[in-house]
Amino acid sequence: MKTELILTQTVEQLEHMNEALAALRRELLPGQPKKFAILAESPLEEMRRLQAEVEQLTTQIATATPVAA
């Protein structure tokens, strides 16, 4: 199903963003907390967008009418 494929890809993107944020944290904290906060804004915003997309796709899958074989 196309929606399930999109969900899989979206979850993978979310995981990559989480990994990028963790790498940024390792690189900048605890030494440069202000720089971390500034640089983390964009990944965090993208993660919120992706999370909303995951929720929407999950709802679509849950409410989809099964196709008879």
N, C-alpha and C. Protein backbone atom coordinates (compact mmCIF):
# COMPACT_ATOMS: atom_id res chain seq x y z
N MET A 1 0.85 -1.18 0.00
CA MET A 1 0.00 0.00 0.00
C MET A 1 0.89 1.24 0.00
N LYS A 2 0.53 2.21 -0.80
CA LYS A 2 1.34 3.42 -0.96
C LYS A 2 1.49 4.19 0.35
N THR A 3 0.43 4.31 1.11
CA THR A 3 0.47 5.05 2.37
C THR A 3 1.45 4.41 3.34
N GLU A 4 1.49 3.09 3.38
CA GLU A 4 2.41 2.39 4.27
C GLU A 4 3.86 2.62 3.86
N LEU A 5 4.13 2.68 2.56
CA LEU A 5 5.47 2.96 2.07
C LEU A 5 5.89 4.38 2.47
N ILE A 6 4.99 5.33 2.32
CA ILE A 6 5.28 6.70 2.71
C ILE A 6 5.53 6.78 4.21
N LEU A 7 4.75 6.03 4.98
CA LEU A 7 4.94 6.00 6.43
C LEU A 7 6.34 5.46 6.77
N THR A 8 6.73 4.40 6.13
CA THR A 8 8.05 3.82 6.37
C THR A 8 9.15 4.83 6.06
N GLN A 9 9.03 5.51 4.94
CA GLN A 9 10.03 6.50 4.55
C GLN A 9 10.05 7.69 5.52
N THR A 10 8.89 8.09 5.98
CA THR A 10 8.80 9.21 6.92
C THR A 10 9.42 8.86 8.26
N VAL A 11 9.17 7.65 8.73
CA VAL A 11 9.77 7.19 9.98
C VAL A 11 11.30 7.14 9.83
N GLU A 12 11.78 6.68 8.70
CA GLU A 12 13.22 6.64 8.46
C GLU A 12 13.81 8.05 8.47
N GLN A 13 13.12 9.00 7.86
CA GLN A 13 13.59 10.39 7.87
C GLN A 13 13.63 10.92 9.30
N LEU A 14 12.63 10.59 10.08
CA LEU A 14 12.59 11.02 11.48
C LEU A 14 13.77 10.43 12.25
N GLU A 15 14.06 9.18 11.99
CA GLU A 15 15.21 8.54 12.65
C GLU A 15 16.52 9.23 12.26
N HIS A 16 16.66 9.59 10.98
CA HIS A 16 17.88 10.28 10.53
C HIS A 16 18.01 11.65 11.19
N MET A 17 16.90 12.34 11.32
CA MET A 17 16.95 13.66 11.97
C MET A 17 17.34 13.50 13.44
N ASN A 18 16.84 12.46 14.08
CA ASN A 18 17.19 12.20 15.47
C ASN A 18 18.69 11.90 15.60
N GLU A 19 19.22 11.13 14.67
CA GLU A 19 20.65 10.82 14.67
C GLU A 19 21.48 12.09 14.45
N ALA A 20 21.03 12.96 13.56
CA ALA A 20 21.74 14.21 13.30
C ALA A 20 21.73 15.10 14.54
N LEU A 21 20.61 15.16 15.21
CA LEU A 21 20.51 15.96 16.42
C LEU A 21 21.40 15.39 17.52
N ALA A 22 21.47 14.08 17.63
CA ALA A 22 22.33 13.45 18.63
C ALA A 22 23.80 13.74 18.33
N ALA A 23 24.19 13.72 17.06
CA ALA A 23 25.57 14.03 16.68
C ALA A 23 25.89 15.48 17.01
N LEU A 24 24.96 16.35 16.74
CA LEU A 24 25.13 17.77 17.07
C LEU A 24 25.29 17.95 18.57
N ARG A 25 24.50 17.24 19.32
CA ARG A 25 24.60 17.30 20.78
C ARG A 25 25.97 16.82 21.26
N ARG A 26 26.44 15.71 20.72
CA ARG A 26 27.75 15.19 21.12
C ARG A 26 28.86 16.18 20.79
N GLU A 27 28.72 16.85 19.67
CA GLU A 27 29.75 17.79 19.21
C GLU A 27 29.76 19.08 20.03
N LEU A 28 28.61 19.57 20.43
CA LEU A 28 28.54 20.91 21.01
C LEU A 28 28.26 20.98 22.50
N LEU A 29 27.76 19.90 23.08
CA LEU A 29 27.44 19.97 24.51
C LEU A 29 28.44 19.17 25.31
N PRO A 30 28.78 19.62 26.47
CA PRO A 30 28.22 20.76 27.20
C PRO A 30 28.92 22.08 26.91
N GLY A 31 29.95 22.09 26.05
CA GLY A 31 30.77 23.28 25.87
C GLY A 31 30.11 24.49 25.23
N GLN A 32 29.18 24.27 24.29
CA GLN A 32 28.60 25.38 23.54
C GLN A 32 27.07 25.28 23.50
N PRO A 33 26.42 25.43 24.64
CA PRO A 33 24.96 25.24 24.68
C PRO A 33 24.18 26.23 23.82
N LYS A 34 24.63 27.47 23.73
CA LYS A 34 23.89 28.45 22.90
C LYS A 34 23.99 28.08 21.43
N LYS A 35 25.16 27.68 20.99
CA LYS A 35 25.33 27.28 19.59
C LYS A 35 24.48 26.04 19.30
N PHE A 36 24.47 25.09 20.25
CA PHE A 36 23.63 23.90 20.07
C PHE A 36 22.17 24.29 19.92
N ALA A 37 21.69 25.17 20.79
CA ALA A 37 20.28 25.58 20.75
C ALA A 37 19.92 26.20 19.40
N ILE A 38 20.82 27.03 18.88
CA ILE A 38 20.57 27.69 17.60
C ILE A 38 20.56 26.67 16.46
N LEU A 39 21.58 25.80 16.46
CA LEU A 39 21.68 24.83 15.37
C LEU A 39 20.64 23.71 15.47
N ALA A 40 20.12 23.47 16.65
CA ALA A 40 19.12 22.42 16.83
C ALA A 40 17.72 22.85 16.38
N GLU A 41 17.50 24.15 16.24
CA GLU A 41 16.16 24.64 15.89
C GLU A 41 15.61 24.01 14.62
N SER A 42 16.42 24.00 13.57
CA SER A 42 15.94 23.48 12.29
C SER A 42 15.65 21.98 12.34
N PRO A 43 16.57 21.15 12.87
CA PRO A 43 16.23 19.72 12.97
C PRO A 43 14.99 19.47 13.84
N LEU A 44 14.86 20.21 14.93
CA LEU A 44 13.70 20.02 15.79
C LEU A 44 12.40 20.38 15.07
N GLU A 45 12.44 21.45 14.31
CA GLU A 45 11.25 21.85 13.54
C GLU A 45 10.90 20.77 12.51
N GLU A 46 11.91 20.24 11.84
CA GLU A 46 11.67 19.19 10.85
C GLU A 46 11.15 17.93 11.53
N MET A 47 11.66 17.61 12.72
CA MET A 47 11.18 16.44 13.45
C MET A 47 9.73 16.60 13.85
N ARG A 48 9.33 17.79 14.24
CA ARG A 48 7.91 18.04 14.57
C ARG A 48 7.04 17.86 13.33
N ARG A 49 7.51 18.35 12.19
CA ARG A 49 6.76 18.21 10.94
C ARG A 49 6.62 16.73 10.57
N LEU A 50 7.72 15.99 10.68
CA LEU A 50 7.68 14.58 10.35
C LEU A 50 6.79 13.80 11.31
N GLN A 51 6.82 14.15 12.59
CA GLN A 51 5.97 13.48 13.58
C GLN A 51 4.49 13.70 13.24
N ALA A 52 4.15 14.92 12.84
CA ALA A 52 2.77 15.20 12.45
C ALA A 52 2.38 14.38 11.22
N GLU A 53 3.32 14.23 10.30
CA GLU A 53 3.06 13.43 9.10
C GLU A 53 2.86 11.96 9.47
N VAL A 54 3.68 11.44 10.40
CA VAL A 54 3.52 10.07 10.86
C VAL A 54 2.14 9.88 11.47
N GLU A 55 1.71 10.83 12.30
CA GLU A 55 0.39 10.73 12.92
C GLU A 55 -0.71 10.73 11.87
N GLN A 56 -0.59 11.60 10.87
CA GLN A 56 -1.60 11.66 9.81
C GLN A 56 -1.63 10.35 9.01
N LEU A 57 -0.47 9.84 8.64
CA LEU A 57 -0.41 8.60 7.87
C LEU A 57 -0.94 7.42 8.67
N THR A 58 -0.61 7.38 9.95
CA THR A 58 -1.10 6.31 10.81
C THR A 58 -2.63 6.32 10.88
N THR A 59 -3.19 7.51 10.99
CA THR A 59 -4.65 7.65 11.02
C THR A 59 -5.25 7.18 9.69
N GLN A 60 -4.62 7.54 8.59
CA GLN A 60 -5.11 7.11 7.28
C GLN A 60 -5.10 5.59 7.17
N ILE A 61 -4.03 4.97 7.62
CA ILE A 61 -3.93 3.51 7.56
C ILE A 61 -4.97 2.86 8.46
N ALA A 62 -5.14 3.41 9.64
CA ALA A 62 -6.09 2.83 10.60
C ALA A 62 -7.53 2.94 10.13
N THR A 63 -7.84 3.98 9.38
CA THR A 63 -9.23 4.19 8.97
C THR A 63 -9.52 3.74 7.55
N ALA A 64 -8.49 3.23 6.86
CA ALA A 64 -8.69 2.78 5.48
C ALA A 64 -9.59 1.55 5.43
N THR A 65 -10.41 1.51 4.43
CA THR A 65 -11.28 0.35 4.22
C THR A 65 -10.45 -0.72 3.51
N PRO A 66 -10.39 -1.91 4.08
CA PRO A 66 -9.60 -2.99 3.44
C PRO A 66 -10.16 -3.32 2.06
N VAL A 67 -9.26 -3.58 1.14
CA VAL A 67 -9.66 -3.95 -0.22
C VAL A 67 -9.85 -5.46 -0.26
N ALA A 68 -11.01 -5.88 -0.78
CA ALA A 68 -11.30 -7.33 -0.87
C ALA A 68 -10.42 -7.93 -1.96
N ALA A 69 -9.90 -9.10 -1.67
CA ALA A 69 -9.02 -9.78 -2.64
C ALA A 69 -9.81 -10.61 -3.61
